[in-house]
C-alpha atoms as a PDB file:
ATOM      1  CA  MET A   1      93.694 116.692 107.186  1.00  0.00           C
ATOM      2  CA  ASN A   2      94.986 115.757 110.572  1.00  0.00           C
ATOM      3  CA  ASN A   3      98.685 114.653 111.210  1.00  0.00           C
ATOM      4  CA  PHE A   4      99.610 111.493 113.031  1.00  0.00           C
ATOM      5  CA  SER A   5     103.034 110.422 114.009  1.00  0.00           C
ATOM      6  CA  HIS A   6     104.529 107.493 112.402  1.00  0.00           C
ATOM      7  CA  GLN A   7     104.916 105.770 115.743  1.00  0.00           C
ATOM      8  CA  GLN A   8     101.331 106.083 116.441  1.00  0.00           C
ATOM      9  CA  LEU A   9     100.236 104.615 113.061  1.00  0.00           C
ATOM     10  CA  ARG A  10     102.693 101.675 113.485  1.00  0.00           C
ATOM     11  CA  LYS A  11     101.270 101.034 116.928  1.00  0.00           C
ATOM     12  CA  ILE A  12      97.702 101.213 115.635  1.00  0.00           C
ATOM     13  CA  GLY A  13      98.430  98.932 112.618  1.00  0.00           C
ATOM     14  CA  ARG A  14     100.207  96.362 114.657  1.00  0.00           C
ATOM     15  CA  GLN A  15      97.326  96.235 117.124  1.00  0.00           C
ATOM     16  CA  ILE A  16      94.714  95.758 114.173  1.00  0.00           C
ATOM     17  CA  PHE A  17      96.464  93.035 112.415  1.00  0.00           C
ATOM     18  CA  THR A  18      97.478  91.131 115.678  1.00  0.00           C
ATOM     19  CA  ALA A  19      93.827  91.365 116.551  1.00  0.00           C
ATOM     20  CA  GLY A  20      92.818  89.833 113.277  1.00  0.00           C
ATOM     21  CA  GLY A  21      95.067  86.817 113.696  1.00  0.00           C
ATOM     22  CA  ALA A  22      98.443  87.758 112.331  1.00  0.00           C
ATOM     23  CA  SER A  23     101.572  87.023 114.405  1.00  0.00           C
ATOM     24  CA  PRO A  24     103.355  89.972 116.038  1.00  0.00           C
ATOM     25  CA  ASP A  25     106.304  89.657 113.553  1.00  0.00           C
ATOM     26  CA  GLU A  26     103.964  89.509 110.626  1.00  0.00           C
ATOM     27  CA  ALA A  27     101.909  92.424 111.913  1.00  0.00           C
ATOM     28  CA  ALA A  28     104.890  94.500 112.402  1.00  0.00           C
ATOM     29  CA  LEU A  29     106.308  93.824 108.807  1.00  0.00           C
ATOM     30  CA  VAL A  30     103.016  94.599 107.072  1.00  0.00           C
ATOM     31  CA  THR A  31     102.410  97.715 109.120  1.00  0.00           C
ATOM     32  CA  ASP A  32     105.974  99.045 108.687  1.00  0.00           C
ATOM     33  CA  VAL A  33     105.796  98.580 105.000  1.00  0.00           C
ATOM     34  CA  LEU A  34     102.462 100.563 104.944  1.00  0.00           C
ATOM     35  CA  VAL A  35     103.563 103.360 107.279  1.00  0.00           C
ATOM     36  CA  ASP A  36     106.978 103.784 105.393  1.00  0.00           C
ATOM     37  CA  ALA A  37     105.000 104.351 102.331  1.00  0.00           C
ATOM     38  CA  ASN A  38     103.133 107.077 103.929  1.00  0.00           C
ATOM     39  CA  LEU A  39     106.346 108.651 105.199  1.00  0.00           C
ATOM     40  CA  MET A  40     107.700 108.686 101.714  1.00  0.00           C
ATOM     41  CA  GLY A  41     104.552 110.434 100.512  1.00  0.00           C
ATOM     42  CA  LEU A  42     103.111 107.313  98.714  1.00  0.00           C
ATOM     43  CA  ASP A  43      99.805 107.535 100.602  1.00  0.00           C
ATOM     44  CA  SER A  44      97.951 105.324  98.049  1.00  0.00           C
ATOM     45  CA  HIS A  45     100.024 102.426  99.391  1.00  0.00           C
ATOM     46  CA  GLY A  46     100.045 103.409 102.981  1.00  0.00           C
ATOM     47  CA  ILE A  47      97.920 102.939 106.130  1.00  0.00           C
ATOM     48  CA  ILE A  48      94.719 103.398 103.881  1.00  0.00           C
ATOM     49  CA  ARG A  49      95.378  99.755 103.010  1.00  0.00           C
ATOM     50  CA  VAL A  50      94.723  98.416 106.460  1.00  0.00           C
ATOM     51  CA  VAL A  51      90.896  98.691 105.800  1.00  0.00           C
ATOM     52  CA  TRP A  52      91.276  96.588 102.686  1.00  0.00           C
ATOM     53  CA  TYR A  53      93.661  94.127 104.229  1.00  0.00           C
ATOM     54  CA  MET A  54      91.535  93.524 107.337  1.00  0.00           C
ATOM     55  CA  ASP A  55      88.370  92.981 105.279  1.00  0.00           C
ATOM     56  CA  ASP A  56      90.149  90.301 103.398  1.00  0.00           C
ATOM     57  CA  LEU A  57      91.784  88.823 106.507  1.00  0.00           C
ATOM     58  CA  LEU A  58      88.405  88.539 108.206  1.00  0.00           C
ATOM     59  CA  ASN A  59      86.869  86.950 105.170  1.00  0.00           C
ATOM     60  CA  ASN A  60      89.738  84.322 105.010  1.00  0.00           C
ATOM     61  CA  LYS A  61      91.319  85.901 101.841  1.00  0.00           C
ATOM     62  CA  ILE A  62      94.594  86.192 103.721  1.00  0.00           C
ATOM     63  CA  GLN A  63      96.106  83.266 105.570  1.00  0.00           C
ATOM     64  CA  PRO A  64      98.455  84.604 108.292  1.00  0.00           C
ATOM     65  CA  GLY A  65     101.291  82.274 109.243  1.00  0.00           C
ATOM     66  CA  ALA A  66     101.175  80.389 105.921  1.00  0.00           C
ATOM     67  CA  PRO A  67     104.871  79.364 105.157  1.00  0.00           C
ATOM     68  CA  LEU A  68     106.622  80.190 101.780  1.00  0.00           C
ATOM     69  CA  THR A  69     107.105  77.074  99.799  1.00  0.00           C
ATOM     70  CA  VAL A  70     109.506  76.405  97.016  1.00  0.00           C
ATOM     71  CA  SER A  71     108.119  74.625  93.879  1.00  0.00           C
ATOM     72  CA  ARG A  72     111.101  74.827  91.609  1.00  0.00           C
ATOM     73  CA  GLU A  73     114.830  75.899  92.412  1.00  0.00           C
ATOM     74  CA  SER A  74     118.272  76.138  91.054  1.00  0.00           C
ATOM     75  CA  THR A  75     121.457  77.813  92.265  1.00  0.00           C
ATOM     76  CA  THR A  76     120.330  81.249  90.958  1.00  0.00           C
ATOM     77  CA  THR A  77     116.566  80.899  90.588  1.00  0.00           C
ATOM     78  CA  ALA A  78     113.467  79.938  92.728  1.00  0.00           C
ATOM     79  CA  VAL A  79     109.644  79.755  92.000  1.00  0.00           C
ATOM     80  CA  LEU A  80     107.886  80.420  95.293  1.00  0.00           C
ATOM     81  CA  ASP A  81     104.294  80.136  96.614  1.00  0.00           C
ATOM     82  CA  GLY A  82     103.215  82.522  99.336  1.00  0.00           C
ATOM     83  CA  GLY A  83     100.422  80.144 100.643  1.00  0.00           C
ATOM     84  CA  GLY A  84      97.893  83.123 100.754  1.00  0.00           C
ATOM     85  CA  ASN A  85      99.898  85.054 103.447  1.00  0.00           C
ATOM     86  CA  PHE A  86     100.305  88.627 103.330  1.00  0.00           C
ATOM     87  CA  GLY A  87     102.008  89.925 100.349  1.00  0.00           C
ATOM     88  CA  ALA A  88     104.657  91.856 102.203  1.00  0.00           C
ATOM     89  CA  VAL A  89     105.474  88.828 104.183  1.00  0.00           C
ATOM     90  CA  ALA A  90     105.995  86.814 101.012  1.00  0.00           C
ATOM     91  CA  ALA A  91     107.790  89.404  99.161  1.00  0.00           C
ATOM     92  CA  MET A  92     110.238  90.086 101.915  1.00  0.00           C
ATOM     93  CA  GLN A  93     111.190  86.387 101.964  1.00  0.00           C
ATOM     94  CA  ALA A  94     111.398  86.157  98.196  1.00  0.00           C
ATOM     95  CA  VAL A  95     113.630  89.121  97.710  1.00  0.00           C
ATOM     96  CA  ASN A  96     115.902  88.145 100.497  1.00  0.00           C
ATOM     97  CA  LEU A  97     116.191  84.677  99.029  1.00  0.00           C
ATOM     98  CA  ALA A  98     117.121  86.298  95.627  1.00  0.00           C
ATOM     99  CA  ALA A  99     119.871  88.382  97.466  1.00  0.00           C
ATOM    100  CA  GLU A 100     121.299  85.254  99.193  1.00  0.00           C
ATOM    101  CA  LYS A 101     121.566  83.442  95.728  1.00  0.00           C
ATOM    102  CA  ALA A 102     123.215  86.635  94.329  1.00  0.00           C
ATOM    103  CA  LYS A 103     125.779  86.640  97.122  1.00  0.00           C
ATOM    104  CA  GLN A 104     126.742  83.065  96.171  1.00  0.00           C
ATOM    105  CA  HIS A 105     126.379  83.049  92.494  1.00  0.00           C
ATOM    106  CA  HIS A 106     126.501  86.813  91.496  1.00  0.00           C
ATOM    107  CA  LEU A 107     122.862  86.705  90.215  1.00  0.00           C
ATOM    108  CA  GLY A 108     119.620  85.701  91.940  1.00  0.00           C
ATOM    109  CA  CYS A 109     116.203  85.767  90.661  1.00  0.00           C
ATOM    110  CA  THR A 110     112.844  84.730  92.349  1.00  0.00           C
ATOM    111  CA  THR A 111     109.233  84.812  91.419  1.00  0.00           C
ATOM    112  CA  VAL A 112     106.449  84.485  94.058  1.00  0.00           C
ATOM    113  CA  SER A 113     102.719  84.087  93.563  1.00  0.00           C
ATOM    114  CA  ASN A 114      99.638  83.063  95.651  1.00  0.00           C
ATOM    115  CA  CYS A 115      99.851  86.006  98.218  1.00  0.00           C
ATOM    116  CA  HIS A 116      98.051  89.183  98.976  1.00  0.00           C
ATOM    117  CA  HIS A 117      98.868  92.721  98.042  1.00  0.00           C
ATOM    118  CA  MET A 118     102.489  93.603  98.635  1.00  0.00           C
ATOM    119  CA  ALA A 119     101.849  97.382  99.082  1.00  0.00           C
ATOM    120  CA  ARG A 120     104.920  99.507  97.950  1.00  0.00           C
ATOM    121  CA  LEU A 121     106.909  97.318  95.600  1.00  0.00           C
ATOM    122  CA  GLY A 122     110.058  99.590  95.954  1.00  0.00           C
ATOM    123  CA  ALA A 123     110.275  98.687  99.753  1.00  0.00           C
ATOM    124  CA  PHE A 124     111.651  95.225  98.912  1.00  0.00           C
ATOM    125  CA  ALA A 125     114.066  96.552  96.286  1.00  0.00           C
ATOM    126  CA  GLU A 126     115.265  99.152  98.824  1.00  0.00           C
ATOM    127  CA  VAL A 127     116.074  96.321 101.329  1.00  0.00           C
ATOM    128  CA  VAL A 128     118.465  94.758  98.819  1.00  0.00           C
ATOM    129  CA  ALA A 129     120.226  98.185  98.154  1.00  0.00           C
ATOM    130  CA  ARG A 130     120.615  99.022 101.882  1.00  0.00           C
ATOM    131  CA  GLN A 131     120.988  95.721 103.553  1.00  0.00           C
ATOM    132  CA  HIS A 132     122.830  93.764 100.856  1.00  0.00           C
ATOM    133  CA  ASN A 133     124.539  96.452  98.859  1.00  0.00           C
ATOM    134  CA  MET A 134     123.253  95.002  95.605  1.00  0.00           C
ATOM    135  CA  ILE A 135     121.061  96.003  92.728  1.00  0.00           C
ATOM    136  CA  CYS A 136     117.475  94.963  92.568  1.00  0.00           C
ATOM    137  CA  LEU A 137     114.909  94.995  89.835  1.00  0.00           C
ATOM    138  CA  ALA A 138     111.384  94.199  90.903  1.00  0.00           C
ATOM    139  CA  THR A 139     107.993  93.745  88.968  1.00  0.00           C
ATOM    140  CA  ALA A 140     104.530  92.835  90.314  1.00  0.00           C
ATOM    141  CA  SER A 141     101.182  91.983  88.806  1.00  0.00           C
ATOM    142  CA  TRP A 142      97.900  90.471  89.915  1.00  0.00           C
ATOM    143  CA  SER A 143      95.469  87.739  88.699  1.00  0.00           C
ATOM    144  CA  ILE A 144      92.460  88.664  86.529  1.00  0.00           C
ATOM    145  CA  ALA A 145      90.411  90.098  89.446  1.00  0.00           C
ATOM    146  CA  GLY A 146      92.939  93.029  89.532  1.00  0.00           C
ATOM    147  CA  HIS A 147      92.754  93.792  85.753  1.00  0.00           C
ATOM    148  CA  PHE A 148      91.850  97.555  85.815  1.00  0.00           C
ATOM    149  CA  VAL A 149      93.976  98.886  82.914  1.00  0.00           C
ATOM    150  CA  SER A 150      92.953  98.806  79.396  1.00  0.00           C
ATOM    151  CA  PRO A 151      95.615  97.985  76.632  1.00  0.00           C
ATOM    152  CA  TRP A 152      96.703 100.732  74.304  1.00  0.00           C
ATOM    153  CA  GLY A 153      93.783 101.275  71.893  1.00  0.00           C
ATOM    154  CA  GLY A 154      91.356  99.239  73.956  1.00  0.00           C
ATOM    155  CA  ARG A 155      88.594 100.110  76.429  1.00  0.00           C
ATOM    156  CA  GLU A 156      88.354  96.900  78.345  1.00  0.00           C
ATOM    157  CA  PRO A 157      90.723  95.791  81.152  1.00  0.00           C
ATOM    158  CA  ARG A 158      93.407  93.478  80.236  1.00  0.00           C
ATOM    159  CA  LEU A 159      96.341  94.352  82.667  1.00  0.00           C
ATOM    160  CA  THR A 160      96.790  95.387  86.280  1.00  0.00           C
ATOM    161  CA  THR A 161      98.474  98.568  87.198  1.00  0.00           C
ATOM    162  CA  ASN A 162     101.731  96.415  86.901  1.00  0.00           C
ATOM    163  CA  PRO A 163     104.300  98.315  88.923  1.00  0.00           C
ATOM    164  CA  PHE A 164     108.044  98.289  88.109  1.00  0.00           C
ATOM    165  CA  ALA A 165     110.828  99.231  90.760  1.00  0.00           C
ATOM    166  CA  TYR A 166     114.557  99.352  91.121  1.00  0.00           C
ATOM    167  CA  ALA A 167     117.045 100.155  93.790  1.00  0.00           C
ATOM    168  CA  ILE A 168     120.733 100.822  93.308  1.00  0.00           C
ATOM    169  CA  PRO A 169     123.093 101.128  96.309  1.00  0.00           C
ATOM    170  CA  THR A 170     125.113 104.502  96.823  1.00  0.00           C
ATOM    171  CA  ASP A 171     127.125 105.875  99.822  1.00  0.00           C
ATOM    172  CA  HIS A 172     123.882 107.449 101.079  1.00  0.00           C
ATOM    173  CA  ASP A 173     120.302 106.777 100.041  1.00  0.00           C
ATOM    174  CA  PRO A 174     119.934 104.435  97.117  1.00  0.00           C
ATOM    175  CA  PHE A 175     118.555 105.423  93.741  1.00  0.00           C
ATOM    176  CA  ILE A 176     114.964 104.180  93.750  1.00  0.00           C
ATOM    177  CA  LEU A 177     112.288 104.244  91.140  1.00  0.00           C
ATOM    178  CA  ASP A 178     108.820 102.795  91.991  1.00  0.00           C
ATOM    179  CA  MET A 179     106.143 103.354  89.403  1.00  0.00           C
ATOM    180  CA  SER A 180     103.064 101.954  87.984  1.00  0.00           C
ATOM    181  CA  THR A 181     103.055 101.428  84.327  1.00  0.00           C
ATOM    182  CA  SER A 182      99.465 102.658  84.336  1.00  0.00           C
ATOM    183  CA  ALA A 183      98.623 106.427  84.388  1.00  0.00           C
ATOM    184  CA  ILE A 184      97.641 106.197  88.019  1.00  0.00           C
ATOM    185  CA  SER A 185      97.379 103.432  90.688  1.00  0.00           C
ATOM    186  CA  GLU A 186      94.046 102.220  91.880  1.00  0.00           C
ATOM    187  CA  GLY A 187      95.045 103.300  95.347  1.00  0.00           C
ATOM    188  CA  LYS A 188      95.555 106.916  94.269  1.00  0.00           C
ATOM    189  CA  ILE A 189      91.967 106.854  92.792  1.00  0.00           C
ATOM    190  CA  ARG A 190      90.761 105.578  96.045  1.00  0.00           C
ATOM    191  CA  LEU A 191      92.450 108.663  97.798  1.00  0.00           C
ATOM    192  CA  PHE A 192      90.821 111.116  95.330  1.00  0.00           C
ATOM    193  CA  ARG A 193      87.443 109.488  96.079  1.00  0.00           C
ATOM    194  CA  ASN A 194      87.982 109.650  99.885  1.00  0.00           C
ATOM    195  CA  GLN A 195      89.137 113.206  99.696  1.00  0.00           C
ATOM    196  CA  GLY A 196      86.234 114.337  97.475  1.00  0.00           C
ATOM    197  CA  GLU A 197      88.512 115.407  94.626  1.00  0.00           C
ATOM    198  CA  GLU A 198      88.465 115.005  90.942  1.00  0.00           C
ATOM    199  CA  LEU A 199      91.013 112.930  89.066  1.00  0.00           C
ATOM    200  CA  PRO A 200      93.595 114.626  86.631  1.00  0.00           C
ATOM    201  CA  ASP A 201      92.392 114.484  82.968  1.00  0.00           C
ATOM    202  CA  ASN A 202      93.211 111.480  80.680  1.00  0.00           C
ATOM    203  CA  PHE A 203      93.951 109.103  83.517  1.00  0.00           C
ATOM    204  CA  VAL A 204      90.625 107.023  83.594  1.00  0.00           C
ATOM    205  CA  LEU A 205      87.878 105.925  81.210  1.00  0.00           C
ATOM    206  CA  ASP A 206      84.244 105.245  82.308  1.00  0.00           C
ATOM    207  CA  ALA A 207      82.581 101.980  81.377  1.00  0.00           C
ATOM    208  CA  GLU A 208      81.813 103.510  77.868  1.00  0.00           C
ATOM    209  CA  GLY A 209      85.425 104.247  77.090  1.00  0.00           C
ATOM    210  CA  VAL A 210      85.020 107.932  77.624  1.00  0.00           C
ATOM    211  CA  VAL A 211      87.658 109.955  79.660  1.00  0.00           C
ATOM    212  CA  THR A 212      86.385 110.992  83.087  1.00  0.00           C
ATOM    213  CA  ARG A 213      87.543 112.771  86.094  1.00  0.00           C
ATOM    214  CA  ASP A 214      85.064 111.368  88.525  1.00  0.00           C
ATOM    215  CA  PRO A 215      86.602 108.645  90.639  1.00  0.00           C
ATOM    216  CA  ASN A 216      83.230 106.993  91.157  1.00  0.00           C
ATOM    217  CA  ASP A 217      83.026 106.336  87.310  1.00  0.00           C
ATOM    218  CA  PHE A 218      86.056 104.029  87.800  1.00  0.00           C
ATOM    219  CA  TYR A 219      84.442 101.916  90.612  1.00  0.00           C
ATOM    220  CA  GLY A 220      80.964 101.836  88.936  1.00  0.00           C
ATOM    221  CA  PRO A 221      78.932  99.833  88.583  1.00  0.00           C
ATOM    222  CA  PRO A 222      79.623  99.274  85.881  1.00  0.00           C
ATOM    223  CA  GLY A 223      83.350  99.975  86.309  1.00  0.00           C
ATOM    224  CA  GLY A 224      85.818 101.839  84.146  1.00  0.00           C
ATOM    225  CA  THR A 225      89.391 101.388  83.363  1.00  0.00           C
ATOM    226  CA  ILE A 226      92.765 103.081  83.946  1.00  0.00           C
ATOM    227  CA  LEU A 227      94.873 104.205  80.973  1.00  0.00           C
ATOM    228  CA  PRO A 228      98.461 103.285  80.398  1.00  0.00           C
ATOM    229  CA  PHE A 229     100.915 106.061  81.412  1.00  0.00           C
ATOM    230  CA  GLY A 230     102.201 108.272  78.789  1.00  0.00           C
ATOM    231  CA  GLY A 231      99.247 110.240  77.439  1.00  0.00           C
ATOM    232  CA  VAL A 232      99.374 110.273  73.674  1.00  0.00           C
ATOM    233  CA  HIS A 233     102.467 108.151  74.045  1.00  0.00           C
ATOM    234  CA  GLY A 234     100.653 105.641  76.081  1.00  0.00           C
ATOM    235  CA  PHE A 235     101.967 102.779  73.979  1.00  0.00           C
ATOM    236  CA  LYS A 236     105.209 103.184  75.930  1.00  0.00           C
ATOM    237  CA  GLY A 237     103.406 102.520  79.302  1.00  0.00           C
ATOM    238  CA  PHE A 238     101.556  99.718  77.783  1.00  0.00           C
ATOM    239  CA  GLY A 239     104.812  98.201  76.404  1.00  0.00           C
ATOM    240  CA  LEU A 240     106.273  98.308  79.694  1.00  0.00           C
ATOM    241  CA  GLY A 241     103.151  96.902  81.448  1.00  0.00           C
ATOM    242  CA  MET A 242     103.489  93.872  79.014  1.00  0.00           C
ATOM    243  CA  LEU A 243     107.112  93.373  80.087  1.00  0.00           C
ATOM    244  CA  VAL A 244     105.947  93.379  83.876  1.00  0.00           C
ATOM    245  CA  GLU A 245     103.181  90.983  83.032  1.00  0.00           C
ATOM    246  CA  VAL A 246     105.623  88.488  81.553  1.00  0.00           C
ATOM    247  CA  LEU A 247     108.144  88.756  84.271  1.00  0.00           C
ATOM    248  CA  SER A 248     105.609  88.568  87.177  1.00  0.00           C
ATOM    249  CA  ASN A 249     103.089  86.169  85.668  1.00  0.00           C
ATOM    250  CA  THR A 250     103.895  84.313  82.582  1.00  0.00           C
ATOM    251  CA  LEU A 251     107.504  83.432  83.355  1.00  0.00           C
ATOM    252  CA  SER A 252     106.154  81.285  86.235  1.00  0.00           C
ATOM    253  CA  GLY A 253     103.513  79.671  84.008  1.00  0.00           C
ATOM    254  CA  HIS A 254     100.566  81.621  85.172  1.00  0.00           C
ATOM    255  CA  LEU A 255      97.733  82.345  82.787  1.00  0.00           C
ATOM    256  CA  ALA A 256      96.626  86.025  82.530  1.00  0.00           C
ATOM    257  CA  THR A 257      93.057  84.814  82.748  1.00  0.00           C
ATOM    258  CA  ALA A 258      93.485  82.619  85.870  1.00  0.00           C
ATOM    259  CA  GLU A 259      91.302  83.320  88.884  1.00  0.00           C
ATOM    260  CA  ASN A 260      93.013  83.436  92.281  1.00  0.00           C
ATOM    261  CA  PRO A 261      91.789  84.977  95.321  1.00  0.00           C
ATOM    262  CA  TYR A 262      95.560  85.339  96.568  1.00  0.00           C
ATOM    263  CA  GLY A 263      96.379  87.247  93.252  1.00  0.00           C
ATOM    264  CA  GLN A 264      99.634  89.031  93.768  1.00  0.00           C
ATOM    265  CA  ARG A 265     102.614  87.845  91.646  1.00  0.00           C
ATOM    266  CA  ALA A 266     106.074  89.205  91.665  1.00  0.00           C
ATOM    267  CA  CYS A 267     109.600  88.842  90.247  1.00  0.00           C
ATOM    268  CA  PHE A 268     112.886  90.041  91.994  1.00  0.00           C
ATOM    269  CA  LEU A 269     116.109  90.066  90.088  1.00  0.00           C
ATOM    270  CA  VAL A 270     119.226  90.788  92.259  1.00  0.00           C
ATOM    271  CA  ILE A 271     122.598  91.660  90.691  1.00  0.00           C
ATOM    272  CA  ASP A 272     125.885  91.755  92.664  1.00  0.00           C
ATOM    273  CA  PRO A 273     127.763  94.683  91.111  1.00  0.00           C
ATOM    274  CA  GLY A 274     130.996  93.372  92.607  1.00  0.00           C
ATOM    275  CA  GLN A 275     131.115  90.764  89.891  1.00  0.00           C
ATOM    276  CA  PHE A 276     131.182  93.333  87.165  1.00  0.00           C
ATOM    277  CA  ALA A 277     133.647  95.842  88.545  1.00  0.00           C
ATOM    278  CA  PRO A 278     135.613  95.966  91.815  1.00  0.00           C
ATOM    279  CA  PRO A 279     133.361  97.287  94.584  1.00  0.00           C
ATOM    280  CA  THR A 280     135.397 100.455  95.116  1.00  0.00           C
ATOM    281  CA  GLU A 281     135.277 101.208  91.327  1.00  0.00           C
ATOM    282  CA  PHE A 282     131.488 100.755  91.300  1.00  0.00           C
ATOM    283  CA  LYS A 283     130.954 102.983  94.435  1.00  0.00           C
ATOM    284  CA  THR A 284     133.321 105.726  92.747  1.00  0.00           C
ATOM    285  CA  ALA A 285     131.394 105.440  89.447  1.00  0.00           C
ATOM    286  CA  ILE A 286     127.994 105.779  91.071  1.00  0.00           C
ATOM    287  CA  GLU A 287     129.074 108.946  93.152  1.00  0.00           C
ATOM    288  CA  GLN A 288     130.639 110.456  89.930  1.00  0.00           C
ATOM    289  CA  LEU A 289     127.296 109.795  88.143  1.00  0.00           C
ATOM    290  CA  LYS A 290     125.361 111.368  90.877  1.00  0.00           C
ATOM    291  CA  SER A 291     127.478 114.378  90.870  1.00  0.00           C
ATOM    292  CA  TYR A 292     127.482 114.678  87.034  1.00  0.00           C
ATOM    293  CA  ILE A 293     123.671 114.344  86.842  1.00  0.00           C
ATOM    294  CA  LYS A 294     123.186 116.832  89.710  1.00  0.00           C
ATOM    295  CA  SER A 295     125.585 119.489  88.128  1.00  0.00           C
ATOM    296  CA  SER A 296     123.027 120.158  85.290  1.00  0.00           C
ATOM    297  CA  ALA A 297     121.866 123.669  85.481  1.00  0.00           C
ATOM    298  CA  PRO A 298     118.047 123.624  86.284  1.00  0.00           C
ATOM    299  CA  ALA A 299     115.480 124.388  83.664  1.00  0.00           C
ATOM    300  CA  GLN A 300     112.899 127.271  83.979  1.00  0.00           C
ATOM    301  CA  GLY A 301     110.580 126.498  86.865  1.00  0.00           C
ATOM    302  CA  TYR A 302     112.956 124.046  88.619  1.00  0.00           C
ATOM    303  CA  ASP A 303     115.428 124.658  91.384  1.00  0.00           C
ATOM    304  CA  GLU A 304     117.563 121.650  90.960  1.00  0.00           C
ATOM    305  CA  VAL A 305     117.804 118.213  89.406  1.00  0.00           C
ATOM    306  CA  ILE A 306     116.232 115.544  91.711  1.00  0.00           C
ATOM    307  CA  LEU A 307     117.567 111.929  91.548  1.00  0.00           C
ATOM    308  CA  PRO A 308     115.311 108.923  91.666  1.00  0.00           C
ATOM    309  CA  GLY A 309     114.031 108.556  95.076  1.00  0.00           C
ATOM    310  CA  GLU A 310     115.588 111.824  96.358  1.00  0.00           C
ATOM    311  CA  TYR A 311     112.161 113.560  96.718  1.00  0.00           C
ATOM    312  CA  HIS A 312     110.617 110.674  98.562  1.00  0.00           C
ATOM    313  CA  PHE A 313     113.561 110.445 101.080  1.00  0.00           C
ATOM    314  CA  ARG A 314     113.148 114.220 101.718  1.00  0.00           C
ATOM    315  CA  ARG A 315     109.466 113.865 102.246  1.00  0.00           C
ATOM    316  CA  LYS A 316     110.213 110.967 104.667  1.00  0.00           C
ATOM    317  CA  ALA A 317     112.563 113.049 106.708  1.00  0.00           C
ATOM    318  CA  ARG A 318     109.897 115.858 106.986  1.00  0.00           C
ATOM    319  CA  ARG A 319     107.081 113.625 107.849  1.00  0.00           C
ATOM    320  CA  GLU A 320     109.058 111.915 110.555  1.00  0.00           C
ATOM    321  CA  ARG A 321     109.395 115.293 112.149  1.00  0.00           C
ATOM    322  CA  GLU A 322     105.990 116.869 111.314  1.00  0.00           C
ATOM    323  CA  GLY A 323     103.711 113.758 111.064  1.00  0.00           C
ATOM    324  CA  ILE A 324     101.714 111.892 108.342  1.00  0.00           C
ATOM    325  CA  PRO A 325      98.491 113.686 106.967  1.00  0.00           C
ATOM    326  CA  LEU A 326      95.275 111.612 106.765  1.00  0.00           C
ATOM    327  CA  ASP A 327      92.038 112.802 105.497  1.00  0.00           C
ATOM    328  CA  PRO A 328      89.040 112.454 107.827  1.00  0.00           C
ATOM    329  CA  GLU A 329      87.363 109.692 105.568  1.00  0.00           C
ATOM    330  CA  THR A 330      90.366 107.525 105.600  1.00  0.00           C
ATOM    331  CA  TRP A 331      90.831 108.004 109.436  1.00  0.00           C
ATOM    332  CA  ASP A 332      87.243 107.091 110.121  1.00  0.00           C
ATOM    333  CA  GLN A 333      87.617 103.832 108.020  1.00  0.00           C
ATOM    334  CA  ILE A 334      90.772 102.844 110.046  1.00  0.00           C
ATOM    335  CA  VAL A 335      88.927 103.515 113.327  1.00  0.00           C
ATOM    336  CA  GLU A 336      85.977 101.471 112.281  1.00  0.00           C
ATOM    337  CA  THR A 337      88.268  98.681 111.093  1.00  0.00           C
ATOM    338  CA  ALA A 338      89.875  98.688 114.495  1.00  0.00           C
ATOM    339  CA  ARG A 339      86.514  98.505 116.340  1.00  0.00           C
ATOM    340  CA  ARG A 340      85.564  95.415 114.240  1.00  0.00           C
ATOM    341  CA  VAL A 341      88.338  93.464 115.809  1.00  0.00           C
ATOM    342  CA  GLY A 342      87.895  95.010 119.368  1.00  0.00           C
ATOM    343  CA  VAL A 343      90.679  97.523 119.196  1.00  0.00           C
ATOM    344  CA  GLU A 344      90.031 100.960 120.698  1.00  0.00           C
ATOM    345  CA  ILE A 345      92.235 103.710 119.270  1.00  0.00           C
ATOM    346  CA  ASP A 346      93.550 106.297 121.461  1.00  0.00           C
ATOM    347  CA  ASN A 347      94.311 109.342 119.278  1.00  0.00           C
ATOM    348  CA  THR A 348      96.807 110.622 121.873  1.00  0.00           C
ATOM    349  CA  VAL A 349      98.845 107.427 122.238  1.00  0.00           C
ATOM    350  CA  GLU A 350     102.447 107.610 121.020  1.00  0.00           C
ATOM    351  CA  ASP A 351     105.366 105.169 121.561  1.00  0.00           C
END
């Protein structure tokens, strides 16, 4: 592993995306979402994704500059179309629109489709908690091309990894949960493969429906599938995955079997807590809840109780100081991607 500063990776990502045809603003937004994922320790949704994004961008599977359009709208809801643009660009506009509706009408809910991969779903929920001081629930899915997850009791893929996220404002860092409803995300399998490591047990099935620890068995051909999270209680992960599917896909009238090269779909629900209790009372109650939860004596093998998101914010502070580790294979892929669009990377450059 080699460490890179987040400033260096931001500069590299922006240069690559701009050279590929993205506007400076779009390149900055997409890169920041990716690098922030690395900072928080979520490397599967970090700078490693530049390689995939640029491959699709160069093959016209991403339409930079495409505007977000509204197909249906009410005072509290909107159905949006991303026009094939970067997922992060579409998602940021969709979640901010939901927040604006919530400011005016106490609740806001938007769905967005027809865009590329959004990267870390929790990034958009976090914007609501930090910038708008409201609660956000977010779900995301993909078209049939992203169906990698087998249903409970099945061996053929029928769902995507279907992530769910929430962010709740506090006086400090928000509570954040950002999780896939599958046992592992595809991006993490990619990391295991790049690093030459075996997968944990009971995460992936090969094409014959047999549990495997070889990442290559997932990619095939023929490809395998990812199990729902929960192990022997995987029906719980499967059940949550179905909820995500309905909110992200079915709610807007999309069919699970529909083909779409711009396959990301998401739902953002924003709640203004000030409409349920006076803002000072809500903040007091949140801080009391934090203190009460943290006051639990730690179990054997643990030093303390960690609140949702707390571990990742600590990781972010450490990586901002010490750098972001990248394996040689991932770094070589990024360098080669940069060369494809005429960007020469200077490993020593930092802003």
